[in-house]
């Protein structure tokens, strides 16, 4: 046996399923051991003479982590090679990989597209797609290329195959794993999705029939199952903390909201109910008129979010726009620059949300054993927060996409190993594949649009290797603002996943009705 790790009892039966079914979606929630299960599966198949060499497709930042885990769990008996570096370096690595001497050839999704002629020639007794939601979109070139890769054994790994709350995303993933399971898309759509006259989703139906159809082709385990929970820290219910805007910020919020309402009304009049301005998070083809309206709406929505998060974000975006416009580039927000040009940003001085976060962090860190992982999707916010923390005597480390892999790793190690570094400030770059069992509190300074991204964030400290018996999750929201509307949108996406993946939240007909408050209705009835 070439696998030297130890599986938890709840993992063993599903490793056997992976071997026997050959093509499986492994959608264990984050922190439950998908990587080690995949390695155990491949090593058993190798010992049985079923596979010699195959391909692991992962996010760029996680390729070396895969190599480390393969080394750890096979004690070096299974060779792996990471494809990385310059085009010339990669060319040499691909030549080595083609020899079949490496059991695991590890590439990232972008390389499947950019190095297609070399990738398609690699040995493929098996395929592992880590964070397989990378191919959730039908139209993406990345999805189309990955779906052209075939093998006898195919495994897709994800904690949430519907991270945007869309059943179509799971269908796209299953097209690659085994396109026979869910069949033709038109029949699938009619069976499980009820659409309104404009083509939007009004409800889902036949959820239990869907789950039966997927039996034997997926494996789903959650953190709260009785045979799983004992191996994890207890997760306390998420707690919302509220900030209140001061008078100047409220006045600007109302002005921007009024202009946003006018744009939303125009969009509804021209495009009807089928127009979803936020569909760009999942791709989609739009007309020039739709693009114009979406740009206007998104710029104002983002302005409201920046105003809630930190007024300096608006000023930063305005400066960036003017700088890049002068040089012929693009960056920042023209709308923020317009507000700044009218002198509307000058009165903004207070930082209500940051103040709430500082008080919360001080309270948490009053316990000398606690550490905090604090997420924000805006990288400049991390700088503002670090400065505020330093002013209160706390050391912090940053982790974001603007850092190279070495700097990210060094920052993570500081948080993990240095007692004085009590806070890790991270963008969503730290939400995937980064184990942080040294932390016991997550603070979401703002929320991602994707329910899957939120689950990924929160799961960084929900690990079997946690140093704590309990871990805590916090969301910070500006009361009655777009923060709360976004919170409800993400909750709705989570409900879709709960229904189809776990059979929770179904109505008396075995379906799920979507009752999300529209942005237009929210802005008309709520104001901070």
Protein backbone atom coordinates (compact mmCIF):
# COMPACT_ATOMS: atom_id res chain seq x y z
CA UNK A 1 0.00 0.00 0.00
CA UNK A 2 1.48 3.32 -1.05
CA UNK A 3 -0.92 5.52 0.97
CA UNK A 4 0.42 6.29 4.43
CA UNK A 5 -2.24 8.68 5.73
CA UNK A 6 -5.09 7.89 8.09
CA UNK A 7 -8.67 8.33 6.95
CA UNK A 8 -11.45 9.26 9.34
CA UNK A 9 -14.25 6.68 9.61
CA UNK A 10 -16.67 8.90 7.69
CA UNK A 11 -14.26 9.05 4.72
CA UNK A 12 -13.58 5.38 4.03
CA UNK A 13 -16.88 4.38 2.37
CA UNK A 14 -16.72 7.36 0.00
CA UNK A 15 -13.16 6.55 -1.04
CA UNK A 16 -14.48 3.12 -1.99
CA UNK A 17 -17.32 4.81 -3.94
CA UNK A 18 -14.78 6.91 -5.84
CA UNK A 19 -12.93 3.76 -6.87
CA UNK A 20 -15.99 1.76 -7.89
CA UNK A 21 -18.08 4.50 -9.54
CA UNK A 22 -14.99 5.91 -11.31
CA UNK A 23 -16.55 9.34 -12.03
CA UNK A 24 -17.65 11.16 -8.86
CA UNK A 25 -18.41 14.66 -7.63
CA UNK A 26 -16.89 14.86 -4.15
CA UNK A 27 -18.70 17.79 -2.56
CA UNK A 28 -17.70 17.45 1.07
CA UNK A 29 -17.94 20.75 2.92
CA UNK A 30 -14.67 22.58 3.42
CA UNK A 31 -12.24 21.14 5.94
CA UNK A 32 -13.47 17.54 5.74
CA UNK A 33 -10.54 16.08 3.79
CA UNK A 34 -11.24 16.01 0.05
CA UNK A 35 -7.53 16.18 -0.80
CA UNK A 36 -6.44 13.28 1.38
CA UNK A 37 -9.41 11.20 0.15
CA UNK A 38 -8.42 11.80 -3.46
CA UNK A 39 -4.84 10.77 -2.84
CA UNK A 40 -6.00 7.66 -0.95
CA UNK A 41 -8.26 6.76 -3.87
CA UNK A 42 -5.57 7.16 -6.54
CA UNK A 43 -2.99 5.26 -4.52
CA UNK A 44 -5.36 2.32 -4.08
CA UNK A 45 -6.16 2.36 -7.80
CA UNK A 46 -2.43 2.40 -8.53
CA UNK A 47 -1.80 -0.51 -6.16
CA UNK A 48 -4.55 -2.40 -7.96
CA UNK A 49 -2.96 -1.74 -11.34
CA UNK A 50 -5.79 0.50 -12.56
CA UNK A 51 -3.84 3.77 -13.04
CA UNK A 52 -0.27 4.82 -13.66
CA UNK A 53 -0.30 8.60 -14.17
CA UNK A 54 -2.84 11.39 -14.29
CA UNK A 55 -3.61 15.05 -14.00
CA UNK A 56 -4.52 17.28 -11.04
CA UNK A 57 -6.03 20.63 -12.07
CA UNK A 58 -5.99 23.15 -9.24
CA UNK A 59 -5.96 26.86 -8.56
CA UNK A 60 -2.55 28.39 -9.14
CA UNK A 61 -1.90 29.13 -5.46
CA UNK A 62 -2.72 25.55 -4.43
CA UNK A 63 -0.53 23.59 -6.84
CA UNK A 64 2.43 23.33 -4.47
CA UNK A 65 0.13 22.48 -1.57
CA UNK A 66 -1.08 19.50 -3.60
CA UNK A 67 2.55 18.43 -4.16
CA UNK A 68 3.24 18.74 -0.42
CA UNK A 69 0.19 16.63 0.48
CA UNK A 70 1.13 13.95 -2.06
CA UNK A 71 4.62 13.81 -0.58
CA UNK A 72 3.22 13.66 2.96
CA UNK A 73 0.62 10.95 2.38
CA UNK A 74 2.73 8.71 0.13
CA UNK A 75 6.05 9.28 1.93
CA UNK A 76 7.63 10.10 -1.41
CA UNK A 77 6.66 6.81 -3.06
CA UNK A 78 4.46 8.67 -5.59
CA UNK A 79 6.29 11.23 -7.71
CA UNK A 80 4.57 14.50 -8.60
CA UNK A 81 5.55 17.40 -10.83
CA UNK A 82 4.17 20.94 -10.66
CA UNK A 83 3.95 22.73 -13.99
CA UNK A 84 5.05 26.31 -13.29
CA UNK A 85 7.37 29.09 -14.37
CA UNK A 86 8.20 30.69 -17.70
CA UNK A 87 6.98 29.22 -21.02
CA UNK A 88 10.43 27.71 -21.57
CA UNK A 89 10.49 26.16 -18.11
CA UNK A 90 6.99 24.77 -18.54
CA UNK A 91 7.92 23.28 -21.91
CA UNK A 92 10.68 21.26 -20.25
CA UNK A 93 8.35 20.19 -17.46
CA UNK A 94 5.69 19.03 -19.93
CA UNK A 95 8.32 16.91 -21.70
CA UNK A 96 9.21 15.26 -18.40
CA UNK A 97 5.55 14.77 -17.51
CA UNK A 98 4.84 13.01 -20.81
CA UNK A 99 7.26 10.22 -19.91
CA UNK A 100 4.79 8.83 -17.36
CA UNK A 101 7.43 8.84 -14.60
CA UNK A 102 5.30 11.16 -12.48
CA UNK A 103 2.09 9.74 -11.04
CA UNK A 104 0.64 13.20 -10.47
CA UNK A 105 1.05 16.05 -12.96
CA UNK A 106 -0.24 19.24 -11.34
CA UNK A 107 -1.40 22.18 -13.46
CA UNK A 108 -3.70 25.15 -12.92
CA UNK A 109 -6.85 25.97 -14.86
CA UNK A 110 -5.28 28.80 -16.83
CA UNK A 111 -2.60 26.45 -18.12
CA UNK A 112 -5.26 24.12 -19.51
CA UNK A 113 -6.28 27.04 -21.74
CA UNK A 114 -2.91 28.65 -22.44
CA UNK A 115 -0.88 25.45 -22.82
CA UNK A 116 -3.65 23.36 -24.35
CA UNK A 117 -1.54 21.63 -27.02
CA UNK A 118 0.83 20.35 -24.34
CA UNK A 119 -1.74 19.61 -21.63
CA UNK A 120 -3.89 17.43 -23.90
CA UNK A 121 -0.89 15.16 -24.58
CA UNK A 122 -0.22 14.41 -20.90
CA UNK A 123 -0.94 10.92 -19.47
CA UNK A 124 -4.53 10.80 -18.23
CA UNK A 125 -5.43 7.58 -16.45
CA UNK A 126 -7.24 9.86 -14.00
CA UNK A 127 -8.33 13.49 -13.71
CA UNK A 128 -8.83 15.43 -10.48
CA UNK A 129 -10.41 18.88 -10.70
CA UNK A 130 -9.86 20.71 -7.42
CA UNK A 131 -12.25 23.59 -6.63
CA UNK A 132 -14.18 22.39 -9.67
CA UNK A 133 -16.53 25.38 -9.55
CA UNK A 134 -13.87 26.88 -11.82
CA UNK A 135 -15.91 25.31 -14.66
CA UNK A 136 -19.36 26.27 -13.38
CA UNK A 137 -19.97 28.61 -16.34
CA UNK A 138 -21.02 27.10 -19.68
CA UNK A 139 -19.53 29.83 -21.87
CA UNK A 140 -16.10 30.28 -20.25
CA UNK A 141 -13.19 29.16 -22.41
CA UNK A 142 -11.71 27.51 -19.33
CA UNK A 143 -14.82 25.34 -18.94
CA UNK A 144 -14.87 24.36 -22.58
CA UNK A 145 -11.22 23.30 -22.55
CA UNK A 146 -11.39 21.35 -19.31
CA UNK A 147 -14.48 19.51 -20.55
CA UNK A 148 -12.45 18.26 -23.52
CA UNK A 149 -10.15 16.39 -21.12
CA UNK A 150 -11.36 12.83 -20.53
CA UNK A 151 -10.10 9.86 -18.52
CA UNK A 152 -11.38 6.55 -17.11
CA UNK A 153 -11.45 8.04 -13.60
CA UNK A 154 -12.71 11.61 -13.13
CA UNK A 155 -13.15 13.37 -9.80
CA UNK A 156 -14.43 16.90 -9.16
CA UNK A 157 -13.77 18.37 -5.71
CA UNK A 158 -15.70 21.27 -4.20
CA UNK A 159 -17.26 22.30 -0.92
CA UNK A 160 -20.16 23.97 -2.74
CA UNK A 161 -20.96 23.09 -6.38
CA UNK A 162 -23.59 25.88 -6.53
CA UNK A 163 -21.64 28.76 -5.03
CA UNK A 164 -23.81 31.35 -6.78
CA UNK A 165 -27.01 29.54 -5.83
CA UNK A 166 -27.68 28.35 -9.39
CA UNK A 167 -28.53 24.73 -10.18
CA UNK A 168 -27.14 25.30 -13.69
CA UNK A 169 -23.66 25.53 -12.16
CA UNK A 170 -23.88 21.98 -10.85
CA UNK A 171 -25.15 20.83 -14.25
CA UNK A 172 -22.09 22.38 -15.95
CA UNK A 173 -19.76 20.58 -13.55
CA UNK A 174 -21.50 17.23 -14.10
CA UNK A 175 -21.12 17.67 -17.87
CA UNK A 176 -17.41 17.07 -17.30
CA UNK A 177 -17.59 14.42 -14.61
CA UNK A 178 -20.24 12.30 -16.36
CA UNK A 179 -22.58 13.91 -18.88
CA UNK A 180 -24.94 10.91 -18.79
CA UNK A 181 -26.13 11.57 -15.23
CA UNK A 182 -28.23 14.71 -15.78
CA UNK A 183 -28.87 14.23 -19.49
CA UNK A 184 -29.94 16.92 -21.98
CA UNK A 185 -30.04 20.44 -20.61
CA UNK A 186 -33.46 21.32 -22.01
CA UNK A 187 -35.07 18.35 -20.23
CA UNK A 188 -33.08 19.05 -17.07
CA UNK A 189 -34.24 22.68 -17.08
CA UNK A 190 -37.92 21.74 -17.54
CA UNK A 191 -37.77 19.10 -14.83
CA UNK A 192 -36.15 21.06 -12.02
CA UNK A 193 -36.53 24.79 -12.77
CA UNK A 194 -39.69 26.89 -12.97
CA UNK A 195 -39.06 30.12 -14.86
CA UNK A 196 -41.08 33.32 -15.01
CA UNK A 197 -42.30 34.79 -18.36
CA UNK A 198 -39.01 36.69 -18.68
CA UNK A 199 -36.81 33.57 -18.29
CA UNK A 200 -35.75 34.22 -14.71
CA UNK A 201 -35.94 31.50 -12.03
CA UNK A 202 -39.04 31.78 -9.84
CA UNK A 203 -38.71 28.46 -8.02
CA UNK A 204 -37.06 25.05 -8.07
CA UNK A 205 -39.00 21.78 -7.99
CA UNK A 206 -38.51 18.01 -7.80
CA UNK A 207 -35.55 18.45 -5.47
CA UNK A 208 -35.76 14.94 -4.04
CA UNK A 209 -35.94 13.48 -7.56
CA UNK A 210 -32.78 15.40 -8.42
CA UNK A 211 -31.00 14.02 -5.37
CA UNK A 212 -32.05 10.46 -6.32
CA UNK A 213 -30.75 11.02 -9.85
CA UNK A 214 -27.37 12.01 -8.43
CA UNK A 215 -27.11 8.98 -6.12
CA UNK A 216 -23.98 6.98 -6.78
CA UNK A 217 -22.45 9.87 -8.73
CA UNK A 218 -21.70 12.26 -5.88
CA UNK A 219 -20.73 12.15 -2.26
CA UNK A 220 -21.87 14.91 0.09
CA UNK A 221 -20.93 15.29 3.77
CA UNK A 222 -21.51 18.33 5.97
CA UNK A 223 -19.71 19.61 9.02
CA UNK A 224 -22.69 19.10 11.35
CA UNK A 225 -23.36 15.41 10.63
CA UNK A 226 -23.16 13.23 13.77
CA UNK A 227 -20.25 11.11 12.53
CA UNK A 228 -18.33 14.16 11.26
CA UNK A 229 -18.87 16.83 13.92
CA UNK A 230 -16.74 15.13 16.64
CA UNK A 231 -13.63 15.71 14.52
CA UNK A 232 -14.25 19.45 14.15
CA UNK A 233 -14.54 22.43 16.50
CA UNK A 234 -18.09 23.47 17.39
CA UNK A 235 -19.17 26.33 15.11
CA UNK A 236 -21.19 28.94 16.95
CA UNK A 237 -24.11 30.53 15.02
CA UNK A 238 -22.97 33.50 12.88
CA UNK A 239 -23.51 36.83 14.60
CA UNK A 240 -24.30 40.10 12.82
CA UNK A 241 -22.83 43.35 14.17
CA UNK A 242 -24.34 46.62 13.01
CA UNK A 243 -22.85 50.03 12.28
CA UNK A 244 -24.77 53.29 11.73
CA UNK A 245 -23.74 55.95 9.20
CA UNK A 246 -23.23 59.52 10.44
CA UNK A 247 -25.23 62.45 9.00
CA UNK A 248 -22.92 63.39 6.05
CA UNK A 249 -22.67 59.74 4.96
CA UNK A 250 -26.45 59.27 5.23
CA UNK A 251 -27.04 62.33 3.04
CA UNK A 252 -24.70 61.04 0.34
CA UNK A 253 -26.20 57.53 0.61
CA UNK A 254 -29.69 58.92 -0.02
CA UNK A 255 -28.50 60.92 -3.05
CA UNK A 256 -26.74 57.92 -4.65
CA UNK A 257 -29.68 55.63 -3.82
CA UNK A 258 -32.11 58.03 -5.52
CA UNK A 259 -29.99 58.03 -8.71
CA UNK A 260 -29.66 54.25 -8.53
CA UNK A 261 -33.43 53.85 -8.26
CA UNK A 262 -33.88 55.93 -11.42
CA UNK A 263 -31.45 53.64 -13.30
CA UNK A 264 -33.18 50.50 -11.99
CA UNK A 265 -36.56 51.84 -13.08
CA UNK A 266 -35.21 52.59 -16.57
CA UNK A 267 -33.70 49.09 -16.80
CA UNK A 268 -36.95 47.42 -15.75
CA UNK A 269 -38.89 49.46 -18.29
CA UNK A 270 -36.60 48.55 -21.17
CA UNK A 271 -35.62 44.98 -20.32
CA UNK A 272 -38.42 43.75 -18.08
CA UNK A 273 -37.99 41.17 -15.36
CA UNK A 274 -35.40 39.18 -17.30
CA UNK A 275 -32.77 41.87 -16.73
CA UNK A 276 -30.49 40.81 -13.89
CA UNK A 277 -27.77 43.38 -13.39
CA UNK A 278 -25.82 41.01 -11.17
CA UNK A 279 -25.66 38.22 -13.75
CA UNK A 280 -22.14 39.35 -14.59
CA UNK A 281 -20.95 37.37 -11.60
CA UNK A 282 -21.84 34.25 -13.54
CA UNK A 283 -21.21 35.53 -17.07
CA UNK A 284 -23.80 36.15 -19.75
CA UNK A 285 -24.35 37.87 -23.10
CA UNK A 286 -25.83 41.39 -23.00
CA UNK A 287 -26.81 43.94 -25.62
CA UNK A 288 -24.99 47.33 -25.70
CA UNK A 289 -28.03 48.93 -24.03
CA UNK A 290 -28.03 46.31 -21.28
CA UNK A 291 -24.30 46.81 -20.80
CA UNK A 292 -24.76 50.58 -20.48
CA UNK A 293 -27.48 50.21 -17.86
CA UNK A 294 -25.61 47.51 -15.99
CA UNK A 295 -22.52 49.71 -15.85
CA UNK A 296 -24.51 52.63 -14.45
CA UNK A 297 -26.27 50.46 -11.87
CA UNK A 298 -23.16 48.62 -10.76
CA UNK A 299 -21.12 51.83 -10.39
CA UNK A 300 -23.76 53.30 -8.06
CA UNK A 301 -24.26 50.05 -6.13
CA UNK A 302 -20.51 49.80 -5.62
CA UNK A 303 -20.41 53.44 -4.53
CA UNK A 304 -22.98 52.64 -1.82
CA UNK A 305 -20.91 49.65 -0.72
CA UNK A 306 -17.71 51.67 -0.57
CA UNK A 307 -19.48 54.39 1.38
CA UNK A 308 -20.62 51.80 3.92
CA UNK A 309 -17.24 50.09 4.17
CA UNK A 310 -14.90 53.09 4.38
CA UNK A 311 -15.25 56.59 2.81
CA UNK A 312 -11.58 56.53 1.85
CA UNK A 313 -12.41 53.77 -0.66
CA UNK A 314 -14.48 56.29 -2.65
CA UNK A 315 -11.68 58.86 -2.60
CA UNK A 316 -9.15 56.19 -3.54
CA UNK A 317 -11.31 55.04 -6.46
CA UNK A 318 -11.77 58.65 -7.64
CA UNK A 319 -8.01 59.29 -7.57
CA UNK A 320 -7.29 56.04 -9.39
CA UNK A 321 -9.81 56.91 -12.11
CA UNK A 322 -8.26 60.35 -12.71
CA UNK A 323 -4.74 58.91 -12.78
CA UNK A 324 -5.55 56.14 -15.24
CA UNK A 325 -7.73 58.38 -17.41
CA UNK A 326 -4.83 60.82 -17.79
CA UNK A 327 -2.53 58.00 -18.91
CA UNK A 328 -5.06 56.46 -21.28
CA UNK A 329 -5.70 53.43 -19.09
CA UNK A 330 -8.70 52.29 -17.09
CA UNK A 331 -9.17 51.94 -13.37
CA UNK A 332 -11.16 53.32 -10.49
CA UNK A 333 -14.71 54.59 -10.74
CA UNK A 334 -15.87 57.41 -13.01
CA UNK A 335 -18.90 57.78 -10.78
CA UNK A 336 -16.73 58.14 -7.66
CA UNK A 337 -14.68 60.76 -9.51
CA UNK A 338 -17.91 62.57 -10.42
CA UNK A 339 -18.99 62.64 -6.77
CA UNK A 340 -15.55 63.84 -5.73
CA UNK A 341 -15.55 66.56 -8.40
CA UNK A 342 -18.79 67.91 -6.94
CA UNK A 343 -17.23 68.11 -3.48
CA UNK A 344 -19.58 65.44 -2.08
CA UNK A 345 -16.81 63.26 -0.62
CA UNK A 346 -15.09 66.03 1.33
CA UNK A 347 -17.49 65.99 4.35
CA UNK A 348 -16.96 62.25 4.90
CA UNK A 349 -14.71 61.87 7.92
CA UNK A 350 -16.01 59.11 10.17
CA UNK A 351 -15.53 55.36 9.65
CA UNK A 352 -18.51 53.71 11.43
CA UNK A 353 -17.96 50.17 10.17
CA UNK A 354 -14.24 50.24 10.93
CA UNK A 355 -15.00 51.55 14.43
CA UNK A 356 -17.37 48.61 15.08
CA UNK A 357 -14.73 46.17 13.82
CA UNK A 358 -12.02 47.68 16.02
CA UNK A 359 -14.21 47.42 19.12
CA UNK A 360 -15.12 43.82 18.24
CA UNK A 361 -11.49 42.88 17.58
CA UNK A 362 -10.30 44.43 20.84
CA UNK A 363 -12.97 42.49 22.70
CA UNK A 364 -11.94 39.21 21.05
CA UNK A 365 -8.22 39.74 21.57
CA UNK A 366 -8.75 40.52 25.24
CA UNK A 367 -8.52 36.73 25.48
CA UNK A 368 -4.80 36.17 25.02
CA UNK A 369 -5.38 32.81 23.29
CA UNK A 370 -7.62 34.16 20.52
CA UNK A 371 -6.66 35.04 16.98
CA UNK A 372 -8.77 36.68 14.27
CA UNK A 373 -8.99 36.16 10.50
CA UNK A 374 -10.58 39.29 9.00
CA UNK A 375 -11.82 39.25 5.39
CA UNK A 376 -12.52 42.13 3.01
CA UNK A 377 -12.83 41.95 -0.77
CA UNK A 378 -11.26 45.44 -1.20
CA UNK A 379 -7.48 45.25 -0.77
CA UNK A 380 -7.12 48.96 0.19
CA UNK A 381 -9.40 48.24 3.16
CA UNK A 382 -6.77 45.83 4.49
CA UNK A 383 -4.29 48.72 4.67
CA UNK A 384 -6.78 50.94 6.52
CA UNK A 385 -7.53 48.15 8.99
CA UNK A 386 -3.87 47.32 9.58
CA UNK A 387 -3.13 50.97 10.35
CA UNK A 388 -6.07 51.12 12.79
CA UNK A 389 -4.96 47.89 14.49
CA UNK A 390 -1.39 49.11 14.86
CA UNK A 391 -2.73 52.27 16.49
CA UNK A 392 -4.32 50.03 19.11
CA UNK A 393 -1.16 48.01 19.67
CA UNK A 394 -2.03 44.89 17.63
CA UNK A 395 0.18 43.28 15.02
CA UNK A 396 -1.43 42.04 11.83
CA UNK A 397 -0.34 40.24 8.67
CA UNK A 398 -1.87 40.63 5.20
CA UNK A 399 -2.73 38.02 2.58
CA UNK A 400 -4.09 39.09 -0.82
CA UNK A 401 -3.85 38.50 -4.57
CA UNK A 402 -1.38 41.33 -5.11
CA UNK A 403 1.29 39.32 -3.27
CA UNK A 404 3.36 36.59 -4.89
CA UNK A 405 3.21 33.03 -3.61
CA UNK A 406 6.29 33.40 -1.38
CA UNK A 407 4.98 36.54 0.33
CA UNK A 408 1.58 34.93 0.86
CA UNK A 409 3.17 31.87 2.43
CA UNK A 410 5.39 34.02 4.67
CA UNK A 411 2.40 36.07 5.79
CA UNK A 412 0.38 32.94 6.57
CA UNK A 413 3.30 31.46 8.55
CA UNK A 414 3.62 34.67 10.61
CA UNK A 415 -0.01 34.39 11.67
CA UNK A 416 0.29 30.67 12.33
CA UNK A 417 3.59 30.70 14.23
CA UNK A 418 4.14 34.13 15.83
CA UNK A 419 2.24 34.70 19.04
CA UNK A 420 2.27 38.50 18.64
CA UNK A 421 0.61 38.39 15.20
CA UNK A 422 -2.99 38.11 16.34
CA UNK A 423 -4.84 39.14 13.16
CA UNK A 424 -4.64 37.95 9.55
CA UNK A 425 -6.13 40.52 7.15
CA UNK A 426 -7.14 38.72 3.97
CA UNK A 427 -8.85 39.32 0.67
CA UNK A 428 -10.79 36.42 -0.84
CA UNK A 429 -7.43 35.10 -2.08
CA UNK A 430 -7.11 33.62 1.40
CA UNK A 431 -10.55 32.03 1.25
CA UNK A 432 -9.50 28.98 -0.78
CA UNK A 433 -7.24 26.18 0.38
CA UNK A 434 -5.59 28.08 3.26
CA UNK A 435 -5.77 26.20 6.56
CA UNK A 436 -5.80 28.52 9.57
CA UNK A 437 -6.53 26.32 12.62
CA UNK A 438 -4.69 28.85 14.81
CA UNK A 439 -7.62 31.26 14.45
CA UNK A 440 -10.89 30.99 16.35
CA UNK A 441 -12.77 34.05 15.02
CA UNK A 442 -13.70 35.02 11.46
CA UNK A 443 -14.82 38.61 10.88
CA UNK A 444 -16.40 39.36 7.51
CA UNK A 445 -15.86 43.11 7.13
CA UNK A 446 -17.95 42.85 3.98
CA UNK A 447 -19.62 39.95 2.21
CA UNK A 448 -18.75 38.32 -1.11
CA UNK A 449 -21.50 37.97 -3.72
CA UNK A 450 -21.03 34.22 -3.85
CA UNK A 451 -22.44 31.98 -1.12
CA UNK A 452 -19.64 29.53 -1.94
CA UNK A 453 -17.01 32.22 -1.34
CA UNK A 454 -18.60 32.99 2.03
CA UNK A 455 -18.51 29.31 2.99
CA UNK A 456 -14.89 29.15 1.89
CA UNK A 457 -13.99 32.17 4.03
CA UNK A 458 -15.69 30.83 7.14
CA UNK A 459 -14.21 27.37 6.76
CA UNK A 460 -10.62 28.54 7.05
CA UNK A 461 -10.82 28.05 10.82
CA UNK A 462 -13.28 25.12 10.80
CA UNK A 463 -10.65 22.42 10.53
CA UNK A 464 -10.08 19.06 12.15
CA UNK A 465 -6.67 20.40 13.19
CA UNK A 466 -8.19 23.39 15.03
CA UNK A 467 -6.58 24.35 18.32
CA UNK A 468 -9.98 25.38 19.74
CA UNK A 469 -13.14 23.61 20.88
CA UNK A 470 -15.31 26.46 19.54
CA UNK A 471 -14.96 28.88 16.65
CA UNK A 472 -16.97 32.05 15.98
CA UNK A 473 -18.24 33.75 12.82
CA UNK A 474 -19.05 37.48 12.60
CA UNK A 475 -20.59 39.64 9.85
CA UNK A 476 -20.37 43.43 10.05
CA UNK A 477 -23.22 45.31 8.33
CA UNK A 478 -24.37 48.90 8.05
CA UNK A 479 -27.96 48.93 9.30
CA UNK A 480 -30.66 49.28 6.60
CA UNK A 481 -28.07 49.66 3.82
CA UNK A 482 -27.15 47.62 0.75
CA UNK A 483 -25.06 45.54 3.18
CA UNK A 484 -28.27 44.00 4.51
CA UNK A 485 -29.70 43.50 1.02
CA UNK A 486 -26.53 41.67 -0.04
CA UNK A 487 -26.67 39.59 3.14
CA UNK A 488 -30.19 38.48 2.17
CA UNK A 489 -29.08 37.73 -1.42
CA UNK A 490 -26.26 35.47 -0.18
CA UNK A 491 -28.67 33.78 2.26
CA UNK A 492 -30.97 33.02 -0.68
CA UNK A 493 -28.12 31.43 -2.60
CA UNK A 494 -27.23 29.35 0.45
CA UNK A 495 -30.86 28.17 0.59
CA UNK A 496 -30.62 26.76 -2.94
CA UNK A 497 -27.51 24.80 -1.99
CA UNK A 498 -29.10 23.57 1.23
CA UNK A 499 -32.11 22.28 -0.73
CA UNK A 500 -30.38 20.46 -3.59
CA UNK A 501 -27.26 19.30 -1.76
CA UNK A 502 -28.67 18.50 1.66
CA UNK A 503 -32.46 18.29 1.22
CA UNK A 504 -33.09 21.11 3.72
CA UNK A 505 -35.61 23.94 3.52
CA UNK A 506 -38.03 22.30 1.07
CA UNK A 507 -41.67 23.37 0.88
CA UNK A 508 -44.62 21.00 1.12
CA UNK A 509 -44.32 20.21 -2.62
CA UNK A 510 -40.66 19.23 -2.36
CA UNK A 511 -39.50 22.44 -4.01
CA UNK A 512 -37.92 25.78 -3.13
CA UNK A 513 -39.56 29.11 -3.84
CA UNK A 514 -37.21 32.07 -4.30
CA UNK A 515 -38.49 35.08 -2.36
CA UNK A 516 -35.55 37.45 -2.45
CA UNK A 517 -36.32 41.11 -2.01
CA UNK A 518 -35.35 43.04 -5.13
CA UNK A 519 -32.85 45.89 -4.93
CA UNK A 520 -35.51 48.30 -6.20
CA UNK A 521 -37.95 47.34 -3.43
CA UNK A 522 -35.18 47.44 -0.83
CA UNK A 523 -34.07 50.96 -1.79
CA UNK A 524 -37.66 52.22 -1.75
CA UNK A 525 -38.41 50.87 1.71
CA UNK A 526 -35.07 50.95 3.58
CA UNK A 527 -32.60 53.75 4.25
CA UNK A 528 -29.78 53.98 6.83
